[in-house]
Amino acid sequence: MVEAVIVVGGRNSANTRRLYLSSVKAGLPSWHVEDVTDLPDEIFKYKTVGITAGASTPDWMIDRVEAELMKEAQLLG
């Protein structure tokens, strides 16, 4: 089970918005991000973060967000 969720995808993507809203409805702290610059500092207080993405989100965008989360997690120990 995850403690929080990052949904990666375009702001205008209906699919991405639905994923985000589903996560919120499940009661999880959730953020919709397009880029690593959108990651909130608050996300790093969670040990287990799920990452999902809209159907049309490019793999490179998802990979970049995942890499940033992993890098910060290692720095924070």
N, C-alpha and C. Protein backbone atom coordinates (compact mmCIF):
# COMPACT_ATOMS: atom_id res chain seq x y z
N MET A 1 0.85 -1.18 0.00
CA MET A 1 0.00 0.00 0.00
C MET A 1 0.89 1.25 0.00
N VAL A 2 0.50 2.23 -0.77
CA VAL A 2 1.27 3.47 -0.83
C VAL A 2 0.70 4.49 0.15
N GLU A 3 1.54 5.45 0.51
CA GLU A 3 1.13 6.52 1.42
C GLU A 3 0.68 7.76 0.67
N ALA A 4 1.15 7.91 -0.56
CA ALA A 4 0.84 9.09 -1.37
C ALA A 4 1.00 8.70 -2.84
N VAL A 5 0.44 9.54 -3.72
CA VAL A 5 0.47 9.23 -5.15
C VAL A 5 0.87 10.45 -5.97
N ILE A 6 1.74 10.21 -6.94
CA ILE A 6 2.08 11.21 -7.94
C ILE A 6 1.45 10.75 -9.25
N VAL A 7 0.69 11.62 -9.88
CA VAL A 7 0.10 11.33 -11.19
C VAL A 7 0.81 12.22 -12.20
N VAL A 8 1.48 11.60 -13.16
CA VAL A 8 2.26 12.34 -14.15
C VAL A 8 1.45 12.46 -15.44
N GLY A 9 1.37 13.68 -15.95
CA GLY A 9 0.68 13.87 -17.22
C GLY A 9 0.30 15.32 -17.45
N GLY A 10 -0.15 15.58 -18.65
CA GLY A 10 -0.51 16.93 -19.04
C GLY A 10 -1.71 17.47 -18.28
N ARG A 11 -1.70 18.76 -18.03
CA ARG A 11 -2.80 19.41 -17.31
C ARG A 11 -4.14 19.29 -18.04
N ASN A 12 -4.09 19.18 -19.35
CA ASN A 12 -5.33 19.11 -20.13
C ASN A 12 -5.77 17.69 -20.44
N SER A 13 -5.08 16.70 -19.88
CA SER A 13 -5.41 15.30 -20.13
C SER A 13 -6.56 14.85 -19.24
N ALA A 14 -7.68 14.49 -19.86
CA ALA A 14 -8.84 14.03 -19.09
C ALA A 14 -8.51 12.74 -18.35
N ASN A 15 -7.78 11.85 -18.98
CA ASN A 15 -7.39 10.59 -18.36
C ASN A 15 -6.53 10.82 -17.12
N THR A 16 -5.57 11.72 -17.22
CA THR A 16 -4.69 12.03 -16.10
C THR A 16 -5.49 12.65 -14.96
N ARG A 17 -6.41 13.54 -15.29
CA ARG A 17 -7.26 14.15 -14.26
C ARG A 17 -8.09 13.10 -13.54
N ARG A 18 -8.62 12.13 -14.29
CA ARG A 18 -9.42 11.07 -13.66
C ARG A 18 -8.57 10.22 -12.72
N LEU A 19 -7.36 9.92 -13.13
CA LEU A 19 -6.46 9.16 -12.24
C LEU A 19 -6.19 9.94 -10.95
N TYR A 20 -5.93 11.22 -11.10
CA TYR A 20 -5.68 12.08 -9.93
C TYR A 20 -6.90 12.09 -9.01
N LEU A 21 -8.08 12.30 -9.59
CA LEU A 21 -9.30 12.36 -8.78
C LEU A 21 -9.60 11.02 -8.11
N SER A 22 -9.30 9.92 -8.76
CA SER A 22 -9.49 8.60 -8.15
C SER A 22 -8.60 8.43 -6.94
N SER A 23 -7.38 8.91 -7.04
CA SER A 23 -6.44 8.82 -5.94
C SER A 23 -6.90 9.67 -4.75
N VAL A 24 -7.36 10.88 -5.06
CA VAL A 24 -7.89 11.76 -4.02
C VAL A 24 -9.11 11.12 -3.35
N LYS A 25 -9.99 10.56 -4.17
CA LYS A 25 -11.20 9.92 -3.65
C LYS A 25 -10.86 8.74 -2.74
N ALA A 26 -9.74 8.08 -3.02
CA ALA A 26 -9.29 6.96 -2.18
C ALA A 26 -8.71 7.45 -0.86
N GLY A 27 -8.60 8.77 -0.70
CA GLY A 27 -8.11 9.34 0.55
C GLY A 27 -6.60 9.48 0.65
N LEU A 28 -5.93 9.38 -0.49
CA LEU A 28 -4.47 9.49 -0.48
C LEU A 28 -4.01 10.90 -0.81
N PRO A 29 -2.98 11.39 -0.13
CA PRO A 29 -2.38 12.65 -0.57
C PRO A 29 -1.91 12.45 -2.01
N SER A 30 -2.31 13.36 -2.89
CA SER A 30 -2.06 13.17 -4.32
C SER A 30 -1.66 14.47 -4.98
N TRP A 31 -0.79 14.33 -5.99
CA TRP A 31 -0.35 15.49 -6.76
C TRP A 31 -0.36 15.14 -8.24
N HIS A 32 -0.81 16.06 -9.04
CA HIS A 32 -0.79 15.94 -10.51
C HIS A 32 0.38 16.80 -10.97
N VAL A 33 1.38 16.16 -11.57
CA VAL A 33 2.57 16.89 -12.00
C VAL A 33 2.82 16.67 -13.49
N GLU A 34 3.36 17.69 -14.13
CA GLU A 34 3.78 17.58 -15.52
C GLU A 34 5.29 17.39 -15.63
N ASP A 35 6.00 17.82 -14.61
CA ASP A 35 7.46 17.85 -14.68
C ASP A 35 8.01 17.76 -13.27
N VAL A 36 9.29 17.46 -13.15
CA VAL A 36 9.92 17.37 -11.83
C VAL A 36 9.83 18.68 -11.06
N THR A 37 9.73 19.79 -11.77
CA THR A 37 9.64 21.08 -11.08
C THR A 37 8.31 21.24 -10.35
N ASP A 38 7.33 20.39 -10.68
CA ASP A 38 6.03 20.42 -10.01
C ASP A 38 5.99 19.59 -8.74
N LEU A 39 7.04 18.80 -8.48
CA LEU A 39 7.04 17.95 -7.29
C LEU A 39 7.08 18.81 -6.03
N PRO A 40 6.13 18.61 -5.13
CA PRO A 40 6.14 19.39 -3.90
C PRO A 40 7.14 18.82 -2.90
N ASP A 41 7.73 19.68 -2.10
CA ASP A 41 8.66 19.22 -1.06
C ASP A 41 7.98 18.25 -0.10
N GLU A 42 6.69 18.44 0.10
CA GLU A 42 5.92 17.62 1.03
C GLU A 42 5.96 16.13 0.68
N ILE A 43 6.12 15.81 -0.60
CA ILE A 43 6.11 14.42 -1.04
C ILE A 43 7.23 13.61 -0.39
N PHE A 44 8.31 14.27 -0.03
CA PHE A 44 9.47 13.56 0.49
C PHE A 44 9.33 13.14 1.94
N LYS A 45 8.22 13.46 2.57
CA LYS A 45 7.99 12.98 3.93
C LYS A 45 7.37 11.58 3.93
N TYR A 46 6.96 11.10 2.76
CA TYR A 46 6.34 9.77 2.64
C TYR A 46 7.39 8.74 2.23
N LYS A 47 7.31 7.55 2.85
CA LYS A 47 8.27 6.50 2.53
C LYS A 47 7.87 5.73 1.27
N THR A 48 6.57 5.58 1.05
CA THR A 48 6.09 4.80 -0.09
C THR A 48 5.19 5.67 -0.95
N VAL A 49 5.67 6.00 -2.13
CA VAL A 49 4.93 6.88 -3.05
C VAL A 49 4.64 6.12 -4.34
N GLY A 50 3.38 6.07 -4.72
CA GLY A 50 3.01 5.45 -5.98
C GLY A 50 3.11 6.46 -7.11
N ILE A 51 3.51 5.97 -8.27
CA ILE A 51 3.58 6.82 -9.46
C ILE A 51 2.70 6.18 -10.52
N THR A 52 1.81 6.98 -11.08
CA THR A 52 0.99 6.54 -12.20
C THR A 52 0.97 7.66 -13.22
N ALA A 53 0.44 7.37 -14.38
CA ALA A 53 0.46 8.38 -15.44
C ALA A 53 -0.68 8.16 -16.41
N GLY A 54 -1.05 9.25 -17.06
CA GLY A 54 -2.06 9.19 -18.10
C GLY A 54 -1.58 8.33 -19.26
N ALA A 55 -2.52 7.81 -20.02
CA ALA A 55 -2.20 6.88 -21.12
C ALA A 55 -1.27 7.49 -22.17
N SER A 56 -1.38 8.77 -22.41
CA SER A 56 -0.56 9.39 -23.46
C SER A 56 0.70 10.08 -22.93
N THR A 57 0.96 9.90 -21.64
CA THR A 57 2.16 10.51 -21.05
C THR A 57 3.40 9.79 -21.57
N PRO A 58 4.35 10.52 -22.13
CA PRO A 58 5.56 9.88 -22.65
C PRO A 58 6.38 9.22 -21.54
N ASP A 59 6.99 8.09 -21.87
CA ASP A 59 7.81 7.37 -20.89
C ASP A 59 8.91 8.25 -20.31
N TRP A 60 9.53 9.10 -21.14
CA TRP A 60 10.62 9.94 -20.65
C TRP A 60 10.15 10.87 -19.54
N MET A 61 8.89 11.32 -19.60
CA MET A 61 8.36 12.22 -18.58
C MET A 61 8.19 11.46 -17.25
N ILE A 62 7.66 10.26 -17.35
CA ILE A 62 7.47 9.42 -16.16
C ILE A 62 8.83 9.06 -15.56
N ASP A 63 9.76 8.66 -16.43
CA ASP A 63 11.11 8.28 -15.97
C ASP A 63 11.80 9.43 -15.26
N ARG A 64 11.64 10.63 -15.76
CA ARG A 64 12.28 11.80 -15.16
C ARG A 64 11.74 12.06 -13.74
N VAL A 65 10.42 11.94 -13.59
CA VAL A 65 9.82 12.14 -12.26
C VAL A 65 10.27 11.04 -11.31
N GLU A 66 10.26 9.80 -11.78
CA GLU A 66 10.71 8.69 -10.94
C GLU A 66 12.17 8.86 -10.52
N ALA A 67 13.02 9.25 -11.45
CA ALA A 67 14.44 9.44 -11.14
C ALA A 67 14.64 10.54 -10.09
N GLU A 68 13.89 11.61 -10.20
CA GLU A 68 14.00 12.70 -9.23
C GLU A 68 13.55 12.25 -7.84
N LEU A 69 12.46 11.49 -7.77
CA LEU A 69 11.99 10.97 -6.49
C LEU A 69 13.05 10.06 -5.86
N MET A 70 13.64 9.19 -6.67
CA MET A 70 14.66 8.27 -6.16
C MET A 70 15.90 9.03 -5.69
N LYS A 71 16.31 10.02 -6.46
CA LYS A 71 17.49 10.82 -6.09
C LYS A 71 17.27 11.52 -4.76
N GLU A 72 16.13 12.15 -4.61
CA GLU A 72 15.83 12.87 -3.36
C GLU A 72 15.71 11.90 -2.19
N ALA A 73 15.13 10.74 -2.42
CA ALA A 73 15.00 9.74 -1.36
C ALA A 73 16.37 9.30 -0.86
N GLN A 74 17.32 9.12 -1.76
CA GLN A 74 18.67 8.73 -1.37
C GLN A 74 19.37 9.85 -0.60
N LEU A 75 19.15 11.09 -1.02
CA LEU A 75 19.76 12.22 -0.32
C LEU A 75 19.21 12.38 1.09
N LEU A 76 17.91 12.07 1.24
CA LEU A 76 17.28 12.22 2.55
C LEU A 76 17.54 11.02 3.45
N GLY A 77 18.04 9.95 2.87
CA GLY A 77 18.39 8.76 3.65
C GLY A 77 17.20 7.97 3.98
